[in-house]
């Protein structure tokens, strides 16, 4: 990592941290404490000593993975979240559950202990239409943590992809921390986050790819970011759609492994203003795309700017870079959403099928796209790679295959 890159990222994260400190009183002296009975301790969620702990077994749960324990888990949440409380999913227990909902909880948490499982019901006929698995409404300082597993039992849902399918977490609020948990076989999007001051760290998401397997998953985005600021780091996201889909300002994604999936995407966007988005130090293996910005062909007014993709390692990736203003339709239209200010640097790729494209519209040309040390190599025995460009302007230094960007 060059010193320039380090300084750039430090600036970006420092901005988020400083803003947070001014707004919510961050204590620089926080100590990491993973003892049971305390939670938080993230970049924006302070360490919290809970007033009480609630175990669903004390509210009538069976915990055998067969009996429906939805009511018991919901009762534990309702009781614990009247104050500052932690719902604990105990080790070696599996709770079969349907939709759960949390309203206006403050300084609360959900902890999945080692070898514990929250098992989503796969009884589609009994799942309430429009209800996601865990809905968080207006929560503040909320933590989901622990080394347990959320199993979405997605197969029956993927087989009925055109019907309603629940998301794992659908959250609205401020100052959230998700750490360590493992989420597998999600029916739909995994983490749909309309939350500000959010950190996701050391989370593992495993869903099958969307193609090339007998039981593909569909629309299983790993993390959909709709709040700001937002920090995703040290995660393994292997899935059937966008590994991350970013729709917000002041977002940093770093030190992650992305297996199958559709890459680190900004969008899709249909208008609006987006800035200060960085994806750095990420490994892509088997994804359909790595660098991806997608806007609709008839997008409303807006701007995508101050975007950095850096220090990326690609292997067996279908398309290295995909910047398109024709995501929803390949016809020229009067797009008013501009892409102006994207830096892609220190990117290496092996066994790449297609270098990619920079395809923009006559009405909204892409400008200030800067490629610096981007080296993409095809699979052995295949044709040389080439970029495709339309109405895309920028600079290139140490780029292979040759850049097609206009000055």
Foldseek 3Di string as FASTA:
>chain_A
DDPVVVVVVCVLVVVQLVVLCVPPPDDPPADDDPDPQWDDSDSRQGIFRAPEEFELVVQPFPQAQPDASAVSQQVRQVVQQVAQYEYEQDAPGEHEYAAHEAEAGENYEYEYEPNYEDEYDPPVVPHDPPGARYEYYAYYSYEYEYQEEYEQLQQSLQVVVVGDFHEHYAYEHEQYEYANYEYENGNAAHARDLYENYEYANYEYYYAAQDDDPRAHPNHADHEDNYPDYEYEHYEAEHHEEVYEYAAESYEYEHYEYEEYAEHEDDQAQEAEYEHYEYEHYEYHRYQEHAYYEYDQAGDAYEYAHYEYAHYEYELYAEYHEYENHRPHPDHDQHNYEYEYYEYEHYEYEQYNEPYEHEYHPNHAYYAYEYYQHYYAHYPPDDAYDYYYDSYAHYYDNHPPDDPHHD
